[in-house]
Amino acid sequence: MLDPGWVDEQADSFDVFHLHFGFDAQTPSRLDDLLTALRGNGKPLVYTVHDLANPHHHDEGEHRAQLDVLVPGADRLITLTPGAAREIAARWGRTATVLPHPHVVEPDGLLRPRPPHDTFRVGLHAKSIRPNMAPLPVVRVLADAVAELPGAVLRVDCHPDVDDAESHWYAPGVLDELRSMSREGRLELSVHDYFDDDALWDYLIGLDVSVLPYRFGTHSGWLEACYDLGTAVIAPSCGFYAQQRPCFTYGHDRRGLDAASLRDALRRAYEERPGPRADPVERGAERVRIARAHELLYADLL
């Protein structure tokens, strides 16, 4: 769909082209060709700006260049938070409509009871350690802080590809240190392949708090899922995570980690539990409002 040829061939089958993700592999020149094809066929472009900094890239240059094509070229812009909208206005002089992210967990899951347990379970999922993640410095602080909280345990999850020298995600030494900390009893380590949705919801609802180890980024679907399930979130100060849903925050960005603020956020989550949870009725009503806002935006373009 990002191929200009596809636009030419399929122009009679759609009215509005709405882009969210999937353009990482497209050069800025190729994206400019896409916009030219859309304009040539009289098709407006709506772009929802999820990422102002791409969590999958060490170097922001390519993503910035892509945004320099898409943001000025789109007919309408949407983003998820006021902070992101202000950054869009400052960088490109464009106004973005702010619409929140709808619920991530399906409606039945919004009603799911949280499982009872005697411990305070802190989770950090390193996944495949994307470029925007710095899990080890965060885990070291958490392990020390958890040890000071009665009944608290730390669970760290990771995908096995970080230990595979043939993998794109190879991160030498990370699992070695995590395994060492596990043997010392400082954390519970779980190494496994990607969760499917059901397994992810089981994992998240079993935590009291999920810690996001990001040093750059913009928004988070993970945070939304936690809110749906009633799992508190400790989010970094970078990006606009704290504007999405209620969460605890700590200092973490490209300049480094503020260990004291992380310990403070963890203690607050411990003392103020349970974490905030989405109201299923309000989440349903919110989804309707978001859909209606999209409908009006599309109609205005047509």
C-alpha atoms as a PDB file:
ATOM      1  CA  MET A   1       0.000   0.000   0.000  1.00  0.00           C
ATOM      2  CA  LEU A   2       2.992   2.298   0.348  1.00  0.00           C
ATOM      3  CA  ASP A   3       3.931   1.682  -3.279  1.00  0.00           C
ATOM      4  CA  PRO A   4       2.820   4.513  -5.569  1.00  0.00           C
ATOM      5  CA  GLY A   5       1.842   1.868  -8.104  1.00  0.00           C
ATOM      6  CA  TRP A   6      -0.588   0.351  -5.623  1.00  0.00           C
ATOM      7  CA  VAL A   7      -2.211   3.755  -5.145  1.00  0.00           C
ATOM      8  CA  ASP A   8      -2.634   4.161  -8.900  1.00  0.00           C
ATOM      9  CA  GLU A   9      -4.099   0.680  -9.270  1.00  0.00           C
ATOM     10  CA  GLN A  10      -6.398   0.830  -6.252  1.00  0.00           C
ATOM     11  CA  ALA A  11      -7.477   4.470  -6.353  1.00  0.00           C
ATOM     12  CA  ASP A  12     -11.088   3.551  -7.068  1.00  0.00           C
ATOM     13  CA  SER A  13     -11.242   1.300  -3.997  1.00  0.00           C
ATOM     14  CA  PHE A  14     -10.611   3.847  -1.227  1.00  0.00           C
ATOM     15  CA  ASP A  15     -11.439   7.442  -0.337  1.00  0.00           C
ATOM     16  CA  VAL A  16      -8.889   8.340   2.356  1.00  0.00           C
ATOM     17  CA  PHE A  17      -5.394   6.954   2.962  1.00  0.00           C
ATOM     18  CA  HIS A  18      -4.709   6.724   6.711  1.00  0.00           C
ATOM     19  CA  LEU A  19      -1.148   5.929   7.764  1.00  0.00           C
ATOM     20  CA  HIS A  20      -0.113   4.769  11.236  1.00  0.00           C
ATOM     21  CA  PHE A  21       2.987   2.546  10.985  1.00  0.00           C
ATOM     22  CA  GLY A  22       4.859   0.374   8.518  1.00  0.00           C
ATOM     23  CA  PHE A  23       6.974   2.904   6.648  1.00  0.00           C
ATOM     24  CA  ASP A  24      10.316   2.175   8.366  1.00  0.00           C
ATOM     25  CA  ALA A  25      11.806   0.642   5.236  1.00  0.00           C
ATOM     26  CA  GLN A  26      10.678   3.465   2.943  1.00  0.00           C
ATOM     27  CA  THR A  27      13.180   6.145   1.991  1.00  0.00           C
ATOM     28  CA  PRO A  28      12.058   9.769   2.289  1.00  0.00           C
ATOM     29  CA  SER A  29      12.162   9.944  -1.510  1.00  0.00           C
ATOM     30  CA  ARG A  30       9.881   6.935  -1.773  1.00  0.00           C
ATOM     31  CA  LEU A  31       7.454   8.464   0.716  1.00  0.00           C
ATOM     32  CA  ASP A  32       7.446  11.648  -1.331  1.00  0.00           C
ATOM     33  CA  ASP A  33       6.531   9.517  -4.364  1.00  0.00           C
ATOM     34  CA  LEU A  34       3.657   8.063  -2.331  1.00  0.00           C
ATOM     35  CA  LEU A  35       2.347  11.544  -1.526  1.00  0.00           C
ATOM     36  CA  THR A  36       2.636  12.521  -5.183  1.00  0.00           C
ATOM     37  CA  ALA A  37       0.594   9.478  -6.193  1.00  0.00           C
ATOM     38  CA  LEU A  38      -2.073  10.247  -3.594  1.00  0.00           C
ATOM     39  CA  ARG A  39      -2.343  13.848  -4.721  1.00  0.00           C
ATOM     40  CA  GLY A  40      -2.448  12.790  -8.364  1.00  0.00           C
ATOM     41  CA  ASN A  41      -5.394  10.549  -7.610  1.00  0.00           C
ATOM     42  CA  GLY A  42      -7.159  13.096  -5.422  1.00  0.00           C
ATOM     43  CA  LYS A  43      -6.785  10.995  -2.260  1.00  0.00           C
ATOM     44  CA  PRO A  44      -6.214  12.812   1.053  1.00  0.00           C
ATOM     45  CA  LEU A  45      -3.627  11.517   3.518  1.00  0.00           C
ATOM     46  CA  VAL A  46      -4.284  11.283   7.249  1.00  0.00           C
ATOM     47  CA  TYR A  47      -1.235  10.500   9.358  1.00  0.00           C
ATOM     48  CA  THR A  48      -1.425   9.514  13.025  1.00  0.00           C
ATOM     49  CA  VAL A  49       1.902  10.481  14.555  1.00  0.00           C
ATOM     50  CA  HIS A  50       2.571   7.741  17.091  1.00  0.00           C
ATOM     51  CA  ASP A  51       6.362   8.043  17.169  1.00  0.00           C
ATOM     52  CA  LEU A  52       8.326  11.272  17.113  1.00  0.00           C
ATOM     53  CA  ALA A  53      11.390   9.182  17.958  1.00  0.00           C
ATOM     54  CA  ASN A  54      11.497   5.690  16.497  1.00  0.00           C
ATOM     55  CA  PRO A  55      12.100   3.119  19.283  1.00  0.00           C
ATOM     56  CA  HIS A  56      13.679   0.723  16.776  1.00  0.00           C
ATOM     57  CA  HIS A  57      16.428   3.075  15.551  1.00  0.00           C
ATOM     58  CA  HIS A  58      19.653   4.084  17.272  1.00  0.00           C
ATOM     59  CA  ASP A  59      20.062   6.957  14.813  1.00  0.00           C
ATOM     60  CA  GLU A  60      17.076   9.297  14.590  1.00  0.00           C
ATOM     61  CA  GLY A  61      18.196  10.757  11.278  1.00  0.00           C
ATOM     62  CA  GLU A  62      16.233   8.464   8.977  1.00  0.00           C
ATOM     63  CA  HIS A  63      13.023   8.708  10.986  1.00  0.00           C
ATOM     64  CA  ARG A  64      13.319  12.488  11.178  1.00  0.00           C
ATOM     65  CA  ALA A  65      13.755  12.618   7.414  1.00  0.00           C
ATOM     66  CA  GLN A  66      10.661  10.441   6.950  1.00  0.00           C
ATOM     67  CA  LEU A  67       8.647  12.696   9.261  1.00  0.00           C
ATOM     68  CA  ASP A  68       9.884  15.727   7.326  1.00  0.00           C
ATOM     69  CA  VAL A  69       8.009  14.305   4.343  1.00  0.00           C
ATOM     70  CA  LEU A  70       4.921  12.895   6.023  1.00  0.00           C
ATOM     71  CA  VAL A  71       4.057  15.585   8.560  1.00  0.00           C
ATOM     72  CA  PRO A  72       4.157  18.584   6.190  1.00  0.00           C
ATOM     73  CA  GLY A  73       2.585  16.526   3.396  1.00  0.00           C
ATOM     74  CA  ALA A  74      -0.397  15.050   5.233  1.00  0.00           C
ATOM     75  CA  ASP A  75      -3.806  16.652   4.827  1.00  0.00           C
ATOM     76  CA  ARG A  76      -4.662  16.000   8.479  1.00  0.00           C
ATOM     77  CA  LEU A  77      -2.575  14.949  11.458  1.00  0.00           C
ATOM     78  CA  ILE A  78      -3.598  13.059  14.575  1.00  0.00           C
ATOM     79  CA  THR A  79      -1.524  12.313  17.653  1.00  0.00           C
ATOM     80  CA  LEU A  80      -2.180  10.846  21.091  1.00  0.00           C
ATOM     81  CA  THR A  81      -1.097  13.504  23.590  1.00  0.00           C
ATOM     82  CA  PRO A  82      -0.967  17.295  23.958  1.00  0.00           C
ATOM     83  CA  GLY A  83       2.814  17.166  24.396  1.00  0.00           C
ATOM     84  CA  ALA A  84       3.274  15.410  21.078  1.00  0.00           C
ATOM     85  CA  ALA A  85       0.948  17.937  19.426  1.00  0.00           C
ATOM     86  CA  ARG A  86       3.027  20.812  20.810  1.00  0.00           C
ATOM     87  CA  GLU A  87       6.222  19.228  19.487  1.00  0.00           C
ATOM     88  CA  ILE A  88       4.631  18.777  16.058  1.00  0.00           C
ATOM     89  CA  ALA A  89       3.602  22.438  16.060  1.00  0.00           C
ATOM     90  CA  ALA A  90       7.079  23.539  17.110  1.00  0.00           C
ATOM     91  CA  ARG A  91       8.939  21.403  14.569  1.00  0.00           C
ATOM     92  CA  TRP A  92       6.678  21.680  11.532  1.00  0.00           C
ATOM     93  CA  GLY A  93       4.139  24.426  12.238  1.00  0.00           C
ATOM     94  CA  ARG A  94       1.303  21.926  11.860  1.00  0.00           C
ATOM     95  CA  THR A  95      -1.735  21.396  14.076  1.00  0.00           C
ATOM     96  CA  ALA A  96      -2.451  17.814  15.102  1.00  0.00           C
ATOM     97  CA  THR A  97      -5.800  16.669  16.453  1.00  0.00           C
ATOM     98  CA  VAL A  98      -5.260  14.997  19.829  1.00  0.00           C
ATOM     99  CA  LEU A  99      -7.174  11.736  20.214  1.00  0.00           C
ATOM    100  CA  PRO A 100      -6.364   9.228  22.960  1.00  0.00           C
ATOM    101  CA  HIS A 101      -5.440   5.639  22.213  1.00  0.00           C
ATOM    102  CA  PRO A 102      -8.459   3.351  22.572  1.00  0.00           C
ATOM    103  CA  HIS A 103      -8.434   0.285  24.787  1.00  0.00           C
ATOM    104  CA  VAL A 104      -5.964  -2.441  23.801  1.00  0.00           C
ATOM    105  CA  VAL A 105      -7.455  -5.354  25.728  1.00  0.00           C
ATOM    106  CA  GLU A 106     -10.723  -6.698  24.347  1.00  0.00           C
ATOM    107  CA  PRO A 107     -13.947  -5.784  26.236  1.00  0.00           C
ATOM    108  CA  ASP A 108     -14.164  -9.117  28.089  1.00  0.00           C
ATOM    109  CA  GLY A 109     -10.628  -8.601  29.370  1.00  0.00           C
ATOM    110  CA  LEU A 110     -11.548  -5.196  30.782  1.00  0.00           C
ATOM    111  CA  LEU A 111     -13.888  -7.029  33.171  1.00  0.00           C
ATOM    112  CA  ARG A 112     -11.417  -9.750  34.119  1.00  0.00           C
ATOM    113  CA  PRO A 113     -10.791  -9.976  37.883  1.00  0.00           C
ATOM    114  CA  ARG A 114      -7.227  -9.468  38.986  1.00  0.00           C
ATOM    115  CA  PRO A 115      -5.749 -12.646  40.500  1.00  0.00           C
ATOM    116  CA  PRO A 116      -5.116 -12.457  44.243  1.00  0.00           C
ATOM    117  CA  HIS A 117      -1.551 -12.921  45.475  1.00  0.00           C
ATOM    118  CA  ASP A 118       0.388 -12.195  48.651  1.00  0.00           C
ATOM    119  CA  THR A 119       3.435 -10.574  47.052  1.00  0.00           C
ATOM    120  CA  PHE A 120       4.005  -7.218  45.364  1.00  0.00           C
ATOM    121  CA  ARG A 121       5.102  -8.259  41.889  1.00  0.00           C
ATOM    122  CA  VAL A 122       7.309  -5.877  39.928  1.00  0.00           C
ATOM    123  CA  GLY A 123       7.852  -6.717  36.262  1.00  0.00           C
ATOM    124  CA  LEU A 124      10.291  -5.522  33.641  1.00  0.00           C
ATOM    125  CA  HIS A 125      10.026  -7.067  30.178  1.00  0.00           C
ATOM    126  CA  ALA A 126      13.154  -6.447  28.125  1.00  0.00           C
ATOM    127  CA  LYS A 127      11.590  -8.115  25.067  1.00  0.00           C
ATOM    128  CA  SER A 128      14.305  -8.258  22.397  1.00  0.00           C
ATOM    129  CA  ILE A 129      15.994  -5.116  23.746  1.00  0.00           C
ATOM    130  CA  ARG A 130      15.037  -2.561  21.145  1.00  0.00           C
ATOM    131  CA  PRO A 131      17.452   0.342  20.663  1.00  0.00           C
ATOM    132  CA  ASN A 132      15.374   2.564  22.960  1.00  0.00           C
ATOM    133  CA  MET A 133      15.712   0.131  25.880  1.00  0.00           C
ATOM    134  CA  ALA A 134      18.357   0.188  28.593  1.00  0.00           C
ATOM    135  CA  PRO A 135      17.187  -2.678  30.813  1.00  0.00           C
ATOM    136  CA  LEU A 136      20.305  -3.522  32.826  1.00  0.00           C
ATOM    137  CA  PRO A 137      20.789  -0.163  34.591  1.00  0.00           C
ATOM    138  CA  VAL A 138      17.070  -0.163  35.455  1.00  0.00           C
ATOM    139  CA  VAL A 139      17.114  -3.786  36.658  1.00  0.00           C
ATOM    140  CA  ARG A 140      20.111  -3.142  38.922  1.00  0.00           C
ATOM    141  CA  VAL A 141      18.299  -0.308  40.673  1.00  0.00           C
ATOM    142  CA  LEU A 142      15.049  -2.250  40.886  1.00  0.00           C
ATOM    143  CA  ALA A 143      16.735  -5.314  42.372  1.00  0.00           C
ATOM    144  CA  ASP A 144      18.186  -3.226  45.190  1.00  0.00           C
ATOM    145  CA  ALA A 145      14.950  -1.305  45.741  1.00  0.00           C
ATOM    146  CA  VAL A 146      12.735  -4.406  45.741  1.00  0.00           C
ATOM    147  CA  ALA A 147      14.923  -5.967  48.415  1.00  0.00           C
ATOM    148  CA  GLU A 148      13.954  -3.102  50.728  1.00  0.00           C
ATOM    149  CA  LEU A 149      10.172  -3.607  50.291  1.00  0.00           C
ATOM    150  CA  PRO A 150       8.606  -6.405  52.379  1.00  0.00           C
ATOM    151  CA  GLY A 151       6.876  -8.979  50.194  1.00  0.00           C
ATOM    152  CA  ALA A 152       8.142  -7.488  46.923  1.00  0.00           C
ATOM    153  CA  VAL A 153       9.603  -9.618  44.134  1.00  0.00           C
ATOM    154  CA  LEU A 154      11.147  -8.628  40.808  1.00  0.00           C
ATOM    155  CA  ARG A 155      10.414 -10.564  37.619  1.00  0.00           C
ATOM    156  CA  VAL A 156      12.455  -9.891  34.489  1.00  0.00           C
ATOM    157  CA  ASP A 157      11.427 -11.293  31.110  1.00  0.00           C
ATOM    158  CA  CYS A 158      13.518 -11.454  27.952  1.00  0.00           C
ATOM    159  CA  HIS A 159      13.403 -13.080  24.539  1.00  0.00           C
ATOM    160  CA  PRO A 160      16.033 -15.732  23.732  1.00  0.00           C
ATOM    161  CA  ASP A 161      17.204 -13.948  20.584  1.00  0.00           C
ATOM    162  CA  VAL A 162      19.246 -11.506  22.683  1.00  0.00           C
ATOM    163  CA  ASP A 163      21.573 -14.443  23.442  1.00  0.00           C
ATOM    164  CA  ASP A 164      21.800 -15.631  19.819  1.00  0.00           C
ATOM    165  CA  ALA A 165      24.936 -14.385  18.060  1.00  0.00           C
ATOM    166  CA  GLU A 166      23.204 -14.896  14.687  1.00  0.00           C
ATOM    167  CA  SER A 167      20.220 -12.746  15.654  1.00  0.00           C
ATOM    168  CA  HIS A 168      19.686  -9.104  14.748  1.00  0.00           C
ATOM    169  CA  TRP A 169      18.789  -8.596  18.423  1.00  0.00           C
ATOM    170  CA  TYR A 170      21.971 -10.105  19.844  1.00  0.00           C
ATOM    171  CA  ALA A 171      22.948  -8.282  23.031  1.00  0.00           C
ATOM    172  CA  PRO A 172      26.037 -10.011  24.419  1.00  0.00           C
ATOM    173  CA  GLY A 173      26.309 -10.204  28.171  1.00  0.00           C
ATOM    174  CA  VAL A 174      22.771  -9.135  29.037  1.00  0.00           C
ATOM    175  CA  LEU A 175      21.404 -12.577  29.826  1.00  0.00           C
ATOM    176  CA  ASP A 176      24.664 -13.513  31.555  1.00  0.00           C
ATOM    177  CA  GLU A 177      24.161 -10.724  34.077  1.00  0.00           C
ATOM    178  CA  LEU A 178      20.448 -11.424  34.487  1.00  0.00           C
ATOM    179  CA  ARG A 179      21.122 -15.112  35.082  1.00  0.00           C
ATOM    180  CA  SER A 180      23.752 -14.213  37.661  1.00  0.00           C
ATOM    181  CA  MET A 181      21.287 -11.950  39.480  1.00  0.00           C
ATOM    182  CA  SER A 182      18.694 -14.719  39.328  1.00  0.00           C
ATOM    183  CA  ARG A 183      21.098 -17.226  40.905  1.00  0.00           C
ATOM    184  CA  GLU A 184      21.760 -14.733  43.670  1.00  0.00           C
ATOM    185  CA  GLY A 185      18.015 -14.550  44.356  1.00  0.00           C
ATOM    186  CA  ARG A 186      17.736 -10.896  43.385  1.00  0.00           C
ATOM    187  CA  LEU A 187      15.152 -11.498  40.656  1.00  0.00           C
ATOM    188  CA  GLU A 188      13.079 -14.118  38.880  1.00  0.00           C
ATOM    189  CA  LEU A 189      14.199 -14.513  35.260  1.00  0.00           C
ATOM    190  CA  SER A 190      11.938 -15.833  32.501  1.00  0.00           C
ATOM    191  CA  VAL A 191      13.387 -16.297  29.003  1.00  0.00           C
ATOM    192  CA  HIS A 192      10.795 -17.177  26.391  1.00  0.00           C
ATOM    193  CA  ASP A 193       9.590 -16.469  22.862  1.00  0.00           C
ATOM    194  CA  TYR A 194       7.078 -13.717  22.117  1.00  0.00           C
ATOM    195  CA  PHE A 195       3.826 -13.888  24.062  1.00  0.00           C
ATOM    196  CA  ASP A 196       0.639 -14.117  22.055  1.00  0.00           C
ATOM    197  CA  ASP A 197      -2.109 -11.736  23.188  1.00  0.00           C
ATOM    198  CA  ASP A 198      -3.664 -14.099  25.731  1.00  0.00           C
ATOM    199  CA  ALA A 199      -0.284 -14.925  27.292  1.00  0.00           C
ATOM    200  CA  LEU A 200       0.608 -11.222  27.408  1.00  0.00           C
ATOM    201  CA  TRP A 201      -2.611 -10.326  29.213  1.00  0.00           C
ATOM    202  CA  ASP A 202      -1.993 -13.204  31.672  1.00  0.00           C
ATOM    203  CA  TYR A 203       1.508 -11.884  32.301  1.00  0.00           C
ATOM    204  CA  LEU A 204       0.474  -8.257  32.754  1.00  0.00           C
ATOM    205  CA  ILE A 205      -2.497  -8.895  35.024  1.00  0.00           C
ATOM    206  CA  GLY A 206      -0.249 -10.986  37.241  1.00  0.00           C
ATOM    207  CA  LEU A 207       1.976  -7.967  37.950  1.00  0.00           C
ATOM    208  CA  ASP A 208       1.315  -5.169  40.401  1.00  0.00           C
ATOM    209  CA  VAL A 209       3.529  -2.791  38.459  1.00  0.00           C
ATOM    210  CA  SER A 210       5.257  -2.873  35.075  1.00  0.00           C
ATOM    211  CA  VAL A 211       8.426  -0.804  34.618  1.00  0.00           C
ATOM    212  CA  LEU A 212       9.174   0.602  31.153  1.00  0.00           C
ATOM    213  CA  PRO A 213      12.984   0.731  30.657  1.00  0.00           C
ATOM    214  CA  TYR A 214      12.934   3.210  27.779  1.00  0.00           C
ATOM    215  CA  ARG A 215      15.501   5.948  27.286  1.00  0.00           C
ATOM    216  CA  PHE A 216      13.675   7.499  24.342  1.00  0.00           C
ATOM    217  CA  GLY A 217      10.287   7.118  22.704  1.00  0.00           C
ATOM    218  CA  THR A 218       6.937   8.857  22.412  1.00  0.00           C
ATOM    219  CA  HIS A 219       3.863   6.752  23.269  1.00  0.00           C
ATOM    220  CA  SER A 220       3.170   3.205  24.465  1.00  0.00           C
ATOM    221  CA  GLY A 221       0.532   0.613  23.664  1.00  0.00           C
ATOM    222  CA  TRP A 222       1.971  -1.490  26.510  1.00  0.00           C
ATOM    223  CA  LEU A 223       1.026   1.266  28.943  1.00  0.00           C
ATOM    224  CA  GLU A 224      -2.539   1.250  27.587  1.00  0.00           C
ATOM    225  CA  ALA A 225      -2.810  -2.510  28.087  1.00  0.00           C
ATOM    226  CA  CYS A 226      -1.615  -2.177  31.682  1.00  0.00           C
ATOM    227  CA  TYR A 227      -4.243   0.496  32.305  1.00  0.00           C
ATOM    228  CA  ASP A 228      -6.908  -1.802  30.859  1.00  0.00           C
ATOM    229  CA  LEU A 229      -5.894  -4.586  33.268  1.00  0.00           C
ATOM    230  CA  GLY A 230      -5.227  -2.537  36.402  1.00  0.00           C
ATOM    231  CA  THR A 231      -1.451  -2.968  36.440  1.00  0.00           C
ATOM    232  CA  ALA A 232       0.374   0.179  37.545  1.00  0.00           C
ATOM    233  CA  VAL A 233       3.076   1.529  35.254  1.00  0.00           C
ATOM    234  CA  ILE A 234       6.374   3.206  36.074  1.00  0.00           C
ATOM    235  CA  ALA A 235       7.203   5.155  32.910  1.00  0.00           C
ATOM    236  CA  PRO A 236      10.320   7.132  31.969  1.00  0.00           C
ATOM    237  CA  SER A 237      10.433  10.905  31.745  1.00  0.00           C
ATOM    238  CA  CYS A 238      11.256  10.833  28.028  1.00  0.00           C
ATOM    239  CA  GLY A 239       8.428  11.018  25.528  1.00  0.00           C
ATOM    240  CA  PHE A 240       4.835  11.648  26.583  1.00  0.00           C
ATOM    241  CA  TYR A 241       3.934   8.435  28.389  1.00  0.00           C
ATOM    242  CA  ALA A 242       2.745  10.262  31.495  1.00  0.00           C
ATOM    243  CA  GLN A 243       0.193  12.165  29.398  1.00  0.00           C
ATOM    244  CA  GLN A 244      -1.432   8.978  28.100  1.00  0.00           C
ATOM    245  CA  ARG A 245      -2.782   7.439  31.300  1.00  0.00           C
ATOM    246  CA  PRO A 246      -2.163   7.752  35.053  1.00  0.00           C
ATOM    247  CA  CYS A 247       1.255   6.333  35.878  1.00  0.00           C
ATOM    248  CA  PHE A 248       4.320   6.815  38.047  1.00  0.00           C
ATOM    249  CA  THR A 249       7.353   8.399  36.404  1.00  0.00           C
ATOM    250  CA  TYR A 250      11.113   8.344  36.838  1.00  0.00           C
ATOM    251  CA  GLY A 251      13.996  10.120  35.192  1.00  0.00           C
ATOM    252  CA  HIS A 252      15.305   8.217  32.180  1.00  0.00           C
ATOM    253  CA  ASP A 253      16.325   9.547  28.784  1.00  0.00           C
ATOM    254  CA  ARG A 254      19.284   9.554  26.409  1.00  0.00           C
ATOM    255  CA  ARG A 255      21.369  11.319  29.056  1.00  0.00           C
ATOM    256  CA  GLY A 256      20.980   8.447  31.498  1.00  0.00           C
ATOM    257  CA  LEU A 257      19.006   7.116  34.442  1.00  0.00           C
ATOM    258  CA  ASP A 258      18.004   8.926  37.633  1.00  0.00           C
ATOM    259  CA  ALA A 259      18.219   6.033  40.096  1.00  0.00           C
ATOM    260  CA  ALA A 260      16.765   7.974  43.022  1.00  0.00           C
ATOM    261  CA  SER A 261      13.610   8.859  41.095  1.00  0.00           C
ATOM    262  CA  LEU A 262      13.161   5.216  40.064  1.00  0.00           C
ATOM    263  CA  ARG A 263      13.414   4.041  43.672  1.00  0.00           C
ATOM    264  CA  ASP A 264      10.940   6.745  44.693  1.00  0.00           C
ATOM    265  CA  ALA A 265       8.479   5.777  41.953  1.00  0.00           C
ATOM    266  CA  LEU A 266       8.665   2.129  42.976  1.00  0.00           C
ATOM    267  CA  ARG A 267       8.022   2.949  46.622  1.00  0.00           C
ATOM    268  CA  ARG A 268       5.040   5.110  45.687  1.00  0.00           C
ATOM    269  CA  ALA A 269       3.599   2.321  43.557  1.00  0.00           C
ATOM    270  CA  TYR A 270       4.128  -0.048  46.500  1.00  0.00           C
ATOM    271  CA  GLU A 271       2.420   2.268  48.967  1.00  0.00           C
ATOM    272  CA  GLU A 272      -0.425   3.423  46.700  1.00  0.00           C
ATOM    273  CA  ARG A 273      -1.473   0.057  45.290  1.00  0.00           C
ATOM    274  CA  PRO A 274      -3.614  -1.117  43.670  1.00  0.00           C
ATOM    275  CA  GLY A 275      -2.802   0.686  40.467  1.00  0.00           C
ATOM    276  CA  PRO A 276      -5.382   2.658  38.467  1.00  0.00           C
ATOM    277  CA  ARG A 277      -7.628   0.616  36.201  1.00  0.00           C
ATOM    278  CA  ALA A 278      -9.730   1.657  33.242  1.00  0.00           C
ATOM    279  CA  ASP A 279     -13.472   1.755  33.764  1.00  0.00           C
ATOM    280  CA  PRO A 280     -14.920  -0.638  31.144  1.00  0.00           C
ATOM    281  CA  VAL A 281     -17.946   1.573  30.479  1.00  0.00           C
ATOM    282  CA  GLU A 282     -15.804   4.665  30.016  1.00  0.00           C
ATOM    283  CA  ARG A 283     -13.351   2.775  27.807  1.00  0.00           C
ATOM    284  CA  GLY A 284     -16.270   1.727  25.603  1.00  0.00           C
ATOM    285  CA  ALA A 285     -17.624   5.264  25.456  1.00  0.00           C
ATOM    286  CA  GLU A 286     -14.137   6.594  24.729  1.00  0.00           C
ATOM    287  CA  ARG A 287     -13.809   4.217  21.787  1.00  0.00           C
ATOM    288  CA  VAL A 288     -17.094   5.509  20.369  1.00  0.00           C
ATOM    289  CA  ARG A 289     -15.894   9.119  20.754  1.00  0.00           C
ATOM    290  CA  ILE A 290     -12.599   8.296  19.025  1.00  0.00           C
ATOM    291  CA  ALA A 291     -14.401   6.573  16.153  1.00  0.00           C
ATOM    292  CA  ARG A 292     -16.782   9.505  15.766  1.00  0.00           C
ATOM    293  CA  ALA A 293     -13.871  11.966  15.717  1.00  0.00           C
ATOM    294  CA  HIS A 294     -12.258   9.959  12.915  1.00  0.00           C
ATOM    295  CA  GLU A 295     -15.526   9.849  11.009  1.00  0.00           C
ATOM    296  CA  LEU A 296     -15.902  13.627  11.199  1.00  0.00           C
ATOM    297  CA  LEU A 297     -12.277  14.177  10.185  1.00  0.00           C
ATOM    298  CA  TYR A 298     -12.649  11.902   7.150  1.00  0.00           C
ATOM    299  CA  ALA A 299     -15.935  13.541   6.173  1.00  0.00           C
ATOM    300  CA  ASP A 300     -14.335  16.973   6.348  1.00  0.00           C
ATOM    301  CA  LEU A 301     -11.678  15.849   3.885  1.00  0.00           C
ATOM    302  CA  LEU A 302     -14.253  14.554   1.454  1.00  0.00           C
END
